[in-house]
């Protein structure tokens, strides 16, 4: 199993994770945090497409950016600005 395969699987799982978190946050009326998670899911989808096209560095950068946005959304919840 190569690095490309692992990257594609991780990006796919992150898309699902961010979508589930976004729908939960939206259900709990945390609109800003939900929007950040949806944006992170879209970035992961773009990273997935970049990985499929053979641009592994761009896919890795997109996944890292999406993770930072996902962490930021939970920080918004913690400080009460969700």
Protein backbone atom coordinates (compact mmCIF):
# COMPACT_ATOMS: atom_id res chain seq x y z
CA UNK A 1 0.00 0.00 0.00
CA UNK A 2 1.59 3.22 -1.15
CA UNK A 3 1.59 6.72 0.18
CA UNK A 4 -0.90 7.82 -2.46
CA UNK A 5 -3.41 5.17 -1.40
CA UNK A 6 -3.09 6.11 2.26
CA UNK A 7 -3.52 9.79 1.42
CA UNK A 8 -6.66 9.11 -0.61
CA UNK A 9 -8.19 6.96 2.13
CA UNK A 10 -7.42 9.59 4.78
CA UNK A 11 -8.92 12.37 2.65
CA UNK A 12 -12.05 10.30 2.08
CA UNK A 13 -12.44 9.60 5.78
CA UNK A 14 -11.89 13.26 6.63
CA UNK A 15 -14.69 14.28 4.25
CA UNK A 16 -17.08 11.96 6.06
CA UNK A 17 -15.84 13.12 9.47
CA UNK A 18 -16.22 16.82 8.65
CA UNK A 19 -19.69 16.33 7.18
CA UNK A 20 -20.92 14.43 10.23
CA UNK A 21 -19.46 17.07 12.56
CA UNK A 22 -20.98 19.88 10.48
CA UNK A 23 -24.46 18.37 10.52
CA UNK A 24 -24.24 17.77 14.27
CA UNK A 25 -23.07 21.34 14.89
CA UNK A 26 -25.82 22.72 12.68
CA UNK A 27 -28.36 20.65 14.61
CA UNK A 28 -27.03 22.16 17.85
CA UNK A 29 -27.33 25.69 16.35
CA UNK A 30 -23.58 26.26 16.02
CA UNK A 31 -23.76 27.84 12.56
CA UNK A 32 -20.25 29.28 12.29
CA UNK A 33 -18.57 26.08 13.37
CA UNK A 34 -20.76 24.08 11.01
CA UNK A 35 -19.76 26.30 8.09
CA UNK A 36 -16.08 25.81 8.92
CA UNK A 37 -16.54 22.05 8.92
CA UNK A 38 -18.37 22.15 5.57
CA UNK A 39 -15.54 24.26 4.15
CA UNK A 40 -13.04 21.74 5.50
CA UNK A 41 -15.00 18.93 3.82
CA UNK A 42 -14.93 20.80 0.50
CA UNK A 43 -11.18 21.34 0.82
CA UNK A 44 -10.75 17.62 1.52
CA UNK A 45 -12.76 16.81 -1.59
CA UNK A 46 -10.47 19.07 -3.60
CA UNK A 47 -7.46 17.38 -1.99
CA UNK A 48 -8.94 14.02 -2.92
CA UNK A 49 -9.29 15.14 -6.53
CA UNK A 50 -5.72 16.45 -6.51
CA UNK A 51 -4.50 13.14 -5.14
CA UNK A 52 -6.32 11.24 -7.85
CA UNK A 53 -4.78 13.52 -10.47
CA UNK A 54 -1.32 12.73 -9.15
CA UNK A 55 -0.57 15.89 -7.18
CA UNK A 56 0.23 14.30 -3.83
CA UNK A 57 1.88 17.42 -2.39
CA UNK A 58 -1.22 19.51 -3.09
CA UNK A 59 -3.41 16.79 -1.61
CA UNK A 60 -1.31 16.69 1.55
CA UNK A 61 -1.41 20.48 1.87
CA UNK A 62 -5.19 20.48 1.40
CA UNK A 63 -5.67 17.78 4.03
CA UNK A 64 -3.49 19.71 6.49
CA UNK A 65 -5.44 22.92 5.87
CA UNK A 66 -8.73 21.09 6.35
CA UNK A 67 -7.51 19.66 9.65
CA UNK A 68 -6.61 23.16 10.88
CA UNK A 69 -10.08 24.40 9.95
CA UNK A 70 -11.69 21.44 11.69
CA UNK A 71 -9.74 22.11 14.86
CA UNK A 72 -10.66 25.79 14.64
CA UNK A 73 -14.35 24.92 14.48
CA UNK A 74 -14.14 23.03 17.76
CA UNK A 75 -12.23 25.94 19.25
CA UNK A 76 -15.17 28.19 18.31
CA UNK A 77 -17.44 25.88 20.28
CA UNK A 78 -15.15 25.90 23.28
CA UNK A 79 -14.93 29.69 23.51
CA UNK A 80 -18.66 30.10 22.89
CA UNK A 81 -18.66 31.74 19.46
CA UNK A 82 -19.99 28.78 17.50
